[in-house]
C-alpha cells in the first residue's frame, strides 16, 4: 500500500499552529497593507493576499455561539460549507483560531500525504487529518478520540468543492456518525457529556466591479480549450457558450447529435441518462445480477448517486478486467464532471459576478490541465479581485438532546446551513453588494 493510502496520525505543534495562523491572516488572507493596492506590488499574490479576502464579517454573536459549544466536556465537530478550494483552509483556520485553536481539520489525502515527506510532516504538525477514500476508519477513530479531548474536529460535510457558494450540496454523514460515537463514549464516563455538530457557512463577495479581470480569465479558458468567442457575447454569455461547447463535445463523444436549440438543463439531462444507461450495463446491482436494461435511469439525482457509489465500490474491489475498469472509470468520471453544473445554475434569471467567477474556476479545475499554470491554479486559485468574507455560525445541533434518527439529524444540519447561506445572500443583496447580469443558463 502506498504512502498516500495510509492514515498517519497528526502530531500537532501548538507553536507552528500559532505561526501559521499569523501568516494565514496577513499573507494568505489580507495581504500587506500599504502595498496590496499599489502597482506593481498588487500583482503579487503574497502581497495582496493569496485569497485576497480584505474584510471578514464574523459577528460577535455568531463567534460566541460557536465558541460556547467547544471545550472540555464536549465533543464538537465543526462543519463548514465548501464553496472554494484553498480559501477554505484560510477561512477555516481563521475561524478555529478564534474558537478552538487546536481543532483538527480533515483534508484530502493528496494534500496531506501526496506532496512528499517534508510537506506531510508540515501538514501533520498543523493538525490536518488525511481523508483516505474507501479507507477512512482510522481517520474517524482519531477524530473521535481528539474530539473527546475537547479540542474539536473540522470537516466539510459537502465533500469536494463544487464552486457554488449559494447552495449547500447534499451532505455526507461522517460528522454525524462520529458525533454519535463520541457521545456514546463520552456518556460512558460522564452522564452530562455533550456532543455538538456546529455548522459554519461563509460567502465571499467582491468589493467592487471585477468584470475586466473575469473577462481576461475567460479569454484564457477559451484559448486553452480552443473555443471560439462570439464577438457580441456578454461575459455571462461567453461562460455559457464555453459550457455549451463542452457539453456538445461530450454529446458527440457519446454518439449523440448536439441540440444547439435546446436548453443546457435539458441537454445535460438527456446526456446523463445515456451515460448512466451505459454505466449501469457494466456494473452489477449485487451478487453479479445485471441492471435491467428495460428500466433505464431517468437522471434522478439519487439514482445516479447510487450508481456512482456502486461503481466506486466495484473499482475498489478490482472486479472486471483492465479494459472494463477503464470504461467504468471513464464513464463515472464523465458523469461526475457533467453533474458539477447543477440545477442552481439555471434556477434564477440573474447571475452575479461571483457566480460567473465560480463557473470559470470550476471550468479551469475540470477541463484546463497539462500546464504548470493550470496545476498552480488548481491548488491555489486566484480570485479576480478583493473580497469580503461573510461568516455565520447557525445554531449548533446538540446530539445529546436529539430525538430523531441520524438521517434526520443530517437533514436538519443541511437545512440550517442552507438557511444561513440564503440569509447571507439576502443581506448582501439588500446592501447592494452584488452586481447582476442576465443569466443565459436560465429557461422558464
Protein backbone atom coordinates (compact mmCIF):
# COMPACT_ATOMS: atom_id res chain seq x y z
CA UNK A 1 0.00 0.00 0.00
CA UNK A 2 1.46 3.40 -0.99
CA UNK A 3 2.01 6.19 1.49
CA UNK A 4 -0.85 8.17 0.02
CA UNK A 5 -3.29 5.40 1.02
CA UNK A 6 -2.11 5.06 4.61
CA UNK A 7 -3.52 7.10 7.50
CA UNK A 8 -0.83 8.83 9.54
CA UNK A 9 -1.90 10.38 12.84
CA UNK A 10 -1.35 14.15 13.07
CA UNK A 11 1.26 15.41 15.51
CA UNK A 12 0.08 18.96 16.26
CA UNK A 13 2.64 21.60 17.12
CA UNK A 14 0.93 24.45 19.02
CA UNK A 15 3.82 26.81 18.21
CA UNK A 16 3.65 26.08 14.47
CA UNK A 17 -0.14 26.40 14.52
CA UNK A 18 0.18 29.89 16.05
CA UNK A 19 2.78 30.91 13.46
CA UNK A 20 0.66 29.62 10.59
CA UNK A 21 -2.40 31.41 11.96
CA UNK A 22 -0.47 34.69 11.88
CA UNK A 23 0.91 34.05 8.39
CA UNK A 24 -2.52 32.98 7.21
CA UNK A 25 -4.12 36.17 8.49
CA UNK A 26 -1.55 38.56 7.00
CA UNK A 27 -0.19 36.98 3.82
CA UNK A 28 -2.82 34.48 2.75
CA UNK A 29 -5.96 36.46 3.54
CA UNK A 30 -5.48 40.21 3.91
CA UNK A 31 -2.17 40.90 2.20
CA UNK A 32 0.24 43.65 3.23
CA UNK A 33 -1.46 46.99 3.91
CA UNK A 34 0.21 49.85 2.04
CA UNK A 35 1.48 47.53 -0.70
CA UNK A 36 -1.53 45.42 -1.64
CA UNK A 37 -3.14 48.20 -3.72
CA UNK A 38 -0.03 49.73 -5.31
CA UNK A 39 1.38 48.86 -8.73
CA UNK A 40 3.36 46.69 -9.30
CA UNK A 41 3.01 45.13 -5.83
CA UNK A 42 -0.70 44.41 -6.20
CA UNK A 43 0.15 41.91 -8.92
CA UNK A 44 1.93 39.69 -6.38
CA UNK A 45 -0.40 37.31 -4.59
CA UNK A 46 1.67 37.20 -1.40
CA UNK A 47 1.36 41.00 -1.09
CA UNK A 48 -2.31 41.48 -1.97
CA UNK A 49 -3.21 38.27 -0.13
CA UNK A 50 -3.33 34.90 -1.87
CA UNK A 51 -7.05 34.54 -1.10
CA UNK A 52 -7.49 38.34 -1.35
CA UNK A 53 -10.01 38.48 1.48
CA UNK A 54 -9.72 42.08 2.68
CA UNK A 55 -12.57 42.11 5.17
CA UNK A 56 -14.07 39.46 7.44
CA UNK A 57 -17.66 39.89 8.61
CA UNK A 58 -17.97 37.46 11.54
CA UNK A 59 -20.45 38.89 14.08
CA UNK A 60 -19.61 38.51 17.76
CA UNK A 61 -22.87 36.67 18.44
CA UNK A 62 -22.00 34.03 15.85
CA UNK A 63 -18.45 33.68 17.12
CA UNK A 64 -19.66 33.25 20.71
CA UNK A 65 -22.31 30.73 19.63
CA UNK A 66 -19.58 28.62 18.05
CA UNK A 67 -17.15 29.12 20.92
CA UNK A 68 -19.75 28.11 23.53
CA UNK A 69 -20.10 24.60 22.11
CA UNK A 70 -16.33 23.96 22.11
CA UNK A 71 -14.16 22.94 25.05
CA UNK A 72 -13.77 20.43 27.86
CA UNK A 73 -16.66 18.06 28.46
CA UNK A 74 -17.84 18.44 24.86
CA UNK A 75 -17.07 16.70 21.60
CA UNK A 76 -17.52 19.21 18.81
CA UNK A 77 -17.49 18.62 15.07
CA UNK A 78 -17.34 21.89 13.15
CA UNK A 79 -18.91 21.59 9.70
CA UNK A 80 -18.29 24.49 7.28
CA UNK A 81 -19.64 24.71 3.76
CA UNK A 82 -17.12 24.19 0.97
CA UNK A 83 -17.55 26.75 -1.83
CA UNK A 84 -13.92 27.32 -2.78
CA UNK A 85 -10.60 25.47 -2.70
CA UNK A 86 -7.57 26.86 -0.81
CA UNK A 87 -9.59 29.77 0.59
CA UNK A 88 -11.47 27.12 2.55
CA UNK A 89 -8.40 26.34 4.64
CA UNK A 90 -7.60 30.04 5.08
CA UNK A 91 -11.06 30.88 6.41
CA UNK A 92 -11.45 27.65 8.37
CA UNK A 93 -8.13 28.32 10.11
CA UNK A 94 -9.19 31.88 10.91
CA UNK A 95 -12.43 30.58 12.45
CA UNK A 96 -10.92 27.82 14.60
CA UNK A 97 -8.12 30.14 15.75
CA UNK A 98 -10.83 32.17 17.49
CA UNK A 99 -12.91 29.35 18.98
CA UNK A 100 -10.78 26.18 19.23
CA UNK A 101 -7.10 26.74 18.28
CA UNK A 102 -6.11 23.06 18.48
CA UNK A 103 -9.01 21.77 16.42
CA UNK A 104 -8.02 19.08 13.92
CA UNK A 105 -9.06 19.55 10.29
CA UNK A 106 -9.81 16.99 7.62
CA UNK A 107 -8.15 17.44 4.23
CA UNK A 108 -7.80 15.43 1.06
CA UNK A 109 -5.16 12.70 1.21
CA UNK A 110 -3.49 14.18 -1.88
CA UNK A 111 -2.64 17.34 0.06
CA UNK A 112 -1.62 15.75 3.35
CA UNK A 113 0.27 12.71 2.04
CA UNK A 114 0.81 13.35 -1.65
CA UNK A 115 3.28 16.25 -1.67
CA UNK A 116 6.31 14.50 -0.21
CA UNK A 117 7.54 13.61 3.25
CA UNK A 118 8.52 17.16 4.27
CA UNK A 119 5.10 18.58 3.38
CA UNK A 120 3.42 15.63 5.08
CA UNK A 121 5.24 16.47 8.34
CA UNK A 122 4.24 20.11 7.91
CA UNK A 123 0.54 19.31 7.44
CA UNK A 124 0.51 16.78 10.30
CA UNK A 125 2.11 19.39 12.57
CA UNK A 126 -0.75 21.72 11.57
CA UNK A 127 -3.14 19.00 12.78
CA UNK A 128 -4.53 18.01 9.39
CA UNK A 129 -6.18 14.59 9.08
CA UNK A 130 -5.82 12.81 5.74
CA UNK A 131 -9.13 11.64 4.30
CA UNK A 132 -8.39 8.30 2.62
CA UNK A 133 -11.07 7.34 0.04
CA UNK A 134 -12.60 3.99 0.88
CA UNK A 135 -10.42 3.62 3.99
CA UNK A 136 -11.49 6.28 6.46
CA UNK A 137 -11.81 4.09 9.57
CA UNK A 138 -8.50 5.16 11.14
CA UNK A 139 -9.16 8.85 10.45
CA UNK A 140 -12.60 8.61 12.04
CA UNK A 141 -11.21 6.82 15.10
CA UNK A 142 -8.54 9.50 15.55
CA UNK A 143 -11.13 12.25 15.10
CA UNK A 144 -13.45 10.84 17.76
CA UNK A 145 -10.56 10.48 20.21
CA UNK A 146 -9.39 14.03 19.52
CA UNK A 147 -12.90 15.46 19.87
CA UNK A 148 -13.31 13.69 23.22
CA UNK A 149 -10.34 15.74 24.47
CA UNK A 150 -12.38 18.90 23.88
CA UNK A 151 -10.30 20.26 21.00
CA UNK A 152 -12.83 19.91 18.20
CA UNK A 153 -12.63 18.48 14.69
CA UNK A 154 -13.40 20.38 11.49
CA UNK A 155 -14.56 18.66 8.29
CA UNK A 156 -16.56 19.66 5.22
CA UNK A 157 -19.77 17.62 5.06
CA UNK A 158 -20.30 18.60 1.40
CA UNK A 159 -17.15 16.68 0.48
CA UNK A 160 -15.30 18.15 -2.51
CA UNK A 161 -15.50 21.75 -3.68
CA UNK A 162 -18.41 22.41 -6.02
CA UNK A 163 -17.85 26.13 -6.67
CA UNK A 164 -21.46 27.07 -5.83
CA UNK A 165 -21.41 29.28 -2.75
CA UNK A 166 -25.17 29.99 -2.69
CA UNK A 167 -26.15 26.32 -2.39
CA UNK A 168 -25.18 23.66 0.14
CA UNK A 169 -24.70 20.35 -1.67
CA UNK A 170 -26.10 17.10 -0.22
CA UNK A 171 -24.14 16.30 2.92
CA UNK A 172 -22.05 13.25 3.76
CA UNK A 173 -22.87 11.61 7.12
CA UNK A 174 -19.34 11.40 8.58
CA UNK A 175 -19.63 14.24 11.08
CA UNK A 176 -22.99 12.98 12.37
CA UNK A 177 -21.71 9.42 12.69
CA UNK A 178 -18.58 10.49 14.57
CA UNK A 179 -20.65 12.80 16.76
CA UNK A 180 -22.93 9.99 17.90
CA UNK A 181 -19.92 7.72 18.50
CA UNK A 182 -18.23 10.43 20.59
CA UNK A 183 -21.45 10.94 22.54
CA UNK A 184 -21.68 7.23 23.34
CA UNK A 185 -18.09 7.11 24.58
CA UNK A 186 -18.42 10.36 26.50
CA UNK A 187 -21.57 9.19 28.28
CA UNK A 188 -19.71 6.07 29.43
CA UNK A 189 -17.76 8.21 31.93
CA UNK A 190 -19.82 11.41 32.18
CA UNK A 191 -23.61 11.41 32.12
CA UNK A 192 -23.63 15.13 31.31
CA UNK A 193 -21.27 14.84 28.35
CA UNK A 194 -22.39 16.77 25.27
CA UNK A 195 -21.73 16.23 21.57
CA UNK A 196 -22.26 19.07 19.12
CA UNK A 197 -22.38 19.41 15.37
CA UNK A 198 -21.51 23.06 14.81
CA UNK A 199 -22.31 24.32 11.29
CA UNK A 200 -20.45 27.28 9.84
CA UNK A 201 -21.14 28.93 6.49
CA UNK A 202 -19.34 31.64 4.58
CA UNK A 203 -19.99 33.60 1.43
CA UNK A 204 -17.41 35.67 -0.47
CA UNK A 205 -18.45 38.86 -2.25
CA UNK A 206 -16.23 41.08 -4.40
CA UNK A 207 -15.77 44.60 -3.03
CA UNK A 208 -16.19 46.17 -6.49
CA UNK A 209 -16.63 45.52 -10.20
CA UNK A 210 -14.13 42.88 -11.35
CA UNK A 211 -15.55 42.22 -14.83
CA UNK A 212 -12.31 43.18 -16.67
CA UNK A 213 -10.34 40.59 -14.67
CA UNK A 214 -13.05 37.98 -15.18
CA UNK A 215 -13.07 38.71 -18.93
CA UNK A 216 -9.31 38.18 -19.02
CA UNK A 217 -9.64 34.83 -17.23
CA UNK A 218 -12.48 33.86 -19.56
CA UNK A 219 -10.22 34.60 -22.53
CA UNK A 220 -7.56 32.31 -21.09
CA UNK A 221 -10.12 29.50 -20.74
CA UNK A 222 -11.40 29.99 -24.30
CA UNK A 223 -7.88 29.86 -25.69
CA UNK A 224 -6.87 26.88 -23.56
CA UNK A 225 -9.94 24.86 -24.60
CA UNK A 226 -9.89 26.08 -28.22
CA UNK A 227 -13.36 27.59 -28.02
CA UNK A 228 -14.11 30.45 -30.39
CA UNK A 229 -15.56 33.55 -28.78
CA UNK A 230 -18.67 35.19 -30.22
CA UNK A 231 -17.81 38.87 -30.55
CA UNK A 232 -21.21 40.16 -29.36
CA UNK A 233 -21.50 37.90 -26.31
CA UNK A 234 -21.58 39.35 -22.82
CA UNK A 235 -19.27 37.86 -20.21
CA UNK A 236 -22.06 35.65 -18.84
CA UNK A 237 -22.91 34.51 -22.39
CA UNK A 238 -19.27 33.67 -23.05
CA UNK A 239 -19.24 31.42 -19.98
CA UNK A 240 -22.48 29.77 -21.09
CA UNK A 241 -21.03 29.27 -24.58
CA UNK A 242 -17.96 27.56 -23.09
CA UNK A 243 -20.11 25.12 -21.13
CA UNK A 244 -22.47 24.53 -24.07
CA UNK A 245 -19.47 23.76 -26.31
CA UNK A 246 -18.01 21.35 -23.76
CA UNK A 247 -21.41 19.65 -23.47
CA UNK A 248 -21.55 19.33 -27.26
CA UNK A 249 -18.17 17.61 -27.22
CA UNK A 250 -19.42 15.16 -24.60
CA UNK A 251 -22.57 14.54 -26.64
CA UNK A 252 -20.53 13.87 -29.77
CA UNK A 253 -18.21 11.52 -27.88
CA UNK A 254 -21.35 9.64 -26.85
CA UNK A 255 -22.53 9.46 -30.50
CA UNK A 256 -25.38 11.86 -29.75
CA UNK A 257 -26.35 14.74 -32.02
CA UNK A 258 -25.90 18.04 -30.11
CA UNK A 259 -29.12 20.03 -29.85
CA UNK A 260 -27.96 23.62 -30.29
CA UNK A 261 -31.51 24.93 -29.74
CA UNK A 262 -32.18 23.05 -26.51
CA UNK A 263 -31.63 24.47 -23.04
CA UNK A 264 -28.48 23.49 -21.20
CA UNK A 265 -30.55 21.76 -18.50
CA UNK A 266 -32.49 19.60 -21.00
CA UNK A 267 -29.36 18.67 -22.93
CA UNK A 268 -27.49 17.79 -19.75
CA UNK A 269 -30.32 15.57 -18.50
CA UNK A 270 -30.53 13.75 -21.84
CA UNK A 271 -26.79 13.09 -21.84
CA UNK A 272 -26.72 11.93 -18.21
CA UNK A 273 -29.50 9.44 -18.93
CA UNK A 274 -27.50 7.92 -21.77
CA UNK A 275 -24.21 7.84 -19.85
CA UNK A 276 -25.92 6.30 -16.81
CA UNK A 277 -27.55 3.66 -19.02
CA UNK A 278 -24.14 2.67 -20.37
CA UNK A 279 -22.54 2.61 -16.93
CA UNK A 280 -25.45 0.63 -15.47
CA UNK A 281 -24.94 -2.12 -18.03
CA UNK A 282 -21.34 -2.55 -16.83
CA UNK A 283 -21.98 -2.58 -13.07
CA UNK A 284 -23.89 -5.42 -11.36
CA UNK A 285 -26.59 -4.46 -8.87
CA UNK A 286 -25.47 -7.07 -6.35
CA UNK A 287 -24.27 -10.67 -6.31
CA UNK A 288 -23.47 -10.42 -10.00
CA UNK A 289 -27.03 -9.55 -11.07
CA UNK A 290 -27.03 -7.13 -14.03
CA UNK A 291 -29.12 -3.96 -14.17
CA UNK A 292 -32.41 -4.42 -16.05
CA UNK A 293 -31.78 -2.64 -19.34
CA UNK A 294 -35.53 -2.26 -19.74
CA UNK A 295 -35.65 0.15 -16.79
CA UNK A 296 -33.18 2.90 -17.69
CA UNK A 297 -32.13 5.55 -15.21
CA UNK A 298 -34.20 8.70 -15.59
CA UNK A 299 -31.48 11.11 -14.43
CA UNK A 300 -32.81 11.17 -10.88
CA UNK A 301 -30.03 12.59 -8.70
CA UNK A 302 -30.33 9.91 -6.02
CA UNK A 303 -30.46 7.13 -8.60
CA UNK A 304 -27.31 8.35 -10.32
CA UNK A 305 -25.58 8.85 -6.96
CA UNK A 306 -26.31 5.21 -6.10
CA UNK A 307 -24.96 4.11 -9.47
CA UNK A 308 -21.76 6.07 -8.92
CA UNK A 309 -21.41 4.64 -5.40
CA UNK A 310 -21.66 1.09 -6.78
CA UNK A 311 -19.16 1.97 -9.48
CA UNK A 312 -16.59 3.25 -6.97
CA UNK A 313 -17.01 0.13 -4.84
CA UNK A 314 -16.71 -2.10 -7.92
CA UNK A 315 -13.47 -0.34 -8.88
CA UNK A 316 -12.04 -0.60 -5.34
CA UNK A 317 -12.75 -4.31 -5.30
CA UNK A 318 -10.80 -4.71 -8.53
CA UNK A 319 -13.63 -6.52 -10.29
CA UNK A 320 -13.58 -6.96 -14.05
CA UNK A 321 -10.64 -6.92 -16.43
CA UNK A 322 -8.46 -3.82 -17.02
CA UNK A 323 -10.46 -2.73 -20.08
CA UNK A 324 -13.76 -2.96 -18.17
CA UNK A 325 -12.26 -0.99 -15.30
CA UNK A 326 -11.07 1.70 -17.72
CA UNK A 327 -14.54 2.01 -19.27
CA UNK A 328 -16.28 2.16 -15.88
CA UNK A 329 -13.85 4.74 -14.54
CA UNK A 330 -14.15 6.89 -17.66
CA UNK A 331 -17.97 6.81 -17.60
CA UNK A 332 -18.17 7.52 -13.86
CA UNK A 333 -15.69 10.41 -14.14
CA UNK A 334 -17.62 11.91 -17.07
CA UNK A 335 -20.95 11.70 -15.22
CA UNK A 336 -19.47 13.35 -12.13
CA UNK A 337 -17.87 16.11 -14.18
CA UNK A 338 -21.07 16.92 -16.08
CA UNK A 339 -23.13 16.85 -12.87
CA UNK A 340 -20.95 19.56 -11.34
CA UNK A 341 -23.15 22.10 -13.08
CA UNK A 342 -26.33 21.60 -11.05
CA UNK A 343 -29.88 22.98 -11.10
CA UNK A 344 -28.76 26.02 -9.14
CA UNK A 345 -27.06 27.23 -12.34
CA UNK A 346 -30.38 27.80 -14.14
CA UNK A 347 -32.69 28.48 -11.18
CA UNK A 348 -32.58 32.29 -11.39
CA UNK A 349 -32.93 34.75 -14.30
CA UNK A 350 -30.00 36.72 -12.86
CA UNK A 351 -26.39 35.79 -12.24
CA UNK A 352 -23.83 37.64 -10.11
CA UNK A 353 -20.21 38.27 -10.96
CA UNK A 354 -19.36 35.96 -8.04
CA UNK A 355 -21.28 33.14 -9.75
CA UNK A 356 -19.57 33.90 -13.07
CA UNK A 357 -16.22 33.66 -11.26
CA UNK A 358 -17.27 30.30 -9.77
CA UNK A 359 -18.17 28.96 -13.22
CA UNK A 360 -14.74 29.96 -14.54
CA UNK A 361 -12.91 28.36 -11.61
CA UNK A 362 -14.92 25.16 -11.99
CA UNK A 363 -14.15 25.01 -15.73
CA UNK A 364 -10.45 25.60 -15.13
CA UNK A 365 -10.36 22.90 -12.44
CA UNK A 366 -12.27 20.33 -14.51
CA UNK A 367 -11.03 20.98 -18.05
CA UNK A 368 -7.85 23.09 -18.18
CA UNK A 369 -4.96 20.73 -17.49
CA UNK A 370 -1.44 19.96 -18.61
CA UNK A 371 0.43 23.20 -17.87
CA UNK A 372 2.18 24.47 -14.73
CA UNK A 373 -0.17 27.46 -14.71
CA UNK A 374 -3.19 25.17 -14.64
CA UNK A 375 -1.70 22.99 -11.91
CA UNK A 376 -0.97 26.01 -9.70
CA UNK A 377 -4.47 27.35 -10.32
CA UNK A 378 -5.98 24.04 -9.27
CA UNK A 379 -4.24 24.13 -5.89
CA UNK A 380 -4.15 27.92 -5.33
CA UNK A 381 -6.88 29.51 -7.48
CA UNK A 382 -6.52 33.28 -7.70
CA UNK A 383 -9.63 35.47 -7.28
CA UNK A 384 -10.44 38.23 -9.77
CA UNK A 385 -10.24 40.93 -7.10
CA UNK A 386 -10.51 41.84 -3.41
CA UNK A 387 -13.37 40.28 -1.46
CA UNK A 388 -15.28 40.36 1.78
CA UNK A 389 -16.00 37.11 3.65
CA UNK A 390 -19.37 36.93 5.37
CA UNK A 391 -19.20 34.21 8.04
CA UNK A 392 -22.10 32.91 10.11
CA UNK A 393 -22.48 30.16 12.71
CA UNK A 394 -26.05 28.80 12.72
CA UNK A 395 -27.48 27.22 15.85
CA UNK A 396 -25.38 24.12 16.66
CA UNK A 397 -27.03 20.72 16.64
CA UNK A 398 -26.84 19.09 20.08
CA UNK A 399 -26.77 15.34 19.53
CA UNK A 400 -27.13 14.80 23.28
CA UNK A 401 -30.62 16.31 23.02
CA UNK A 402 -31.53 14.97 19.58
CA UNK A 403 -34.56 12.69 19.50
CA UNK A 404 -34.56 11.78 15.82
CA UNK A 405 -32.51 9.44 13.67
CA UNK A 406 -29.05 10.06 12.26
CA UNK A 407 -30.57 10.65 8.81
CA UNK A 408 -32.93 13.24 10.27
CA UNK A 409 -30.00 14.91 12.02
CA UNK A 410 -28.15 15.13 8.73
CA UNK A 411 -31.19 16.67 7.04
CA UNK A 412 -31.52 19.20 9.85
CA UNK A 413 -27.83 20.11 9.57
CA UNK A 414 -28.29 20.72 5.84
CA UNK A 415 -31.37 22.88 6.47
CA UNK A 416 -29.55 25.06 9.00
CA UNK A 417 -26.59 25.53 6.68
CA UNK A 418 -28.72 26.38 3.65
CA UNK A 419 -30.94 28.76 5.62
CA UNK A 420 -27.85 30.61 6.88
CA UNK A 421 -26.36 30.84 3.36
CA UNK A 422 -29.66 32.15 1.97
CA UNK A 423 -29.81 34.75 4.75
CA UNK A 424 -26.27 35.97 3.99
CA UNK A 425 -27.04 36.25 0.27
CA UNK A 426 -30.22 38.20 1.04
CA UNK A 427 -28.39 40.58 3.36
CA UNK A 428 -25.57 41.26 0.88
CA UNK A 429 -28.07 41.81 -1.93
CA UNK A 430 -30.14 44.18 0.22
CA UNK A 431 -26.98 46.17 0.91
CA UNK A 432 -26.20 46.50 -2.80
CA UNK A 433 -23.24 44.16 -2.57
CA UNK A 434 -23.86 42.23 -5.80
CA UNK A 435 -23.56 43.18 -9.45
CA UNK A 436 -26.13 41.26 -11.52
CA UNK A 437 -26.26 40.14 -15.17
CA UNK A 438 -28.93 38.27 -17.17
CA UNK A 439 -28.39 34.53 -16.67
CA UNK A 440 -28.04 32.70 -20.02
CA UNK A 441 -28.46 29.31 -18.30
CA UNK A 442 -31.98 30.26 -17.18
CA UNK A 443 -35.01 28.91 -19.05
CA UNK A 444 -38.63 29.12 -17.94
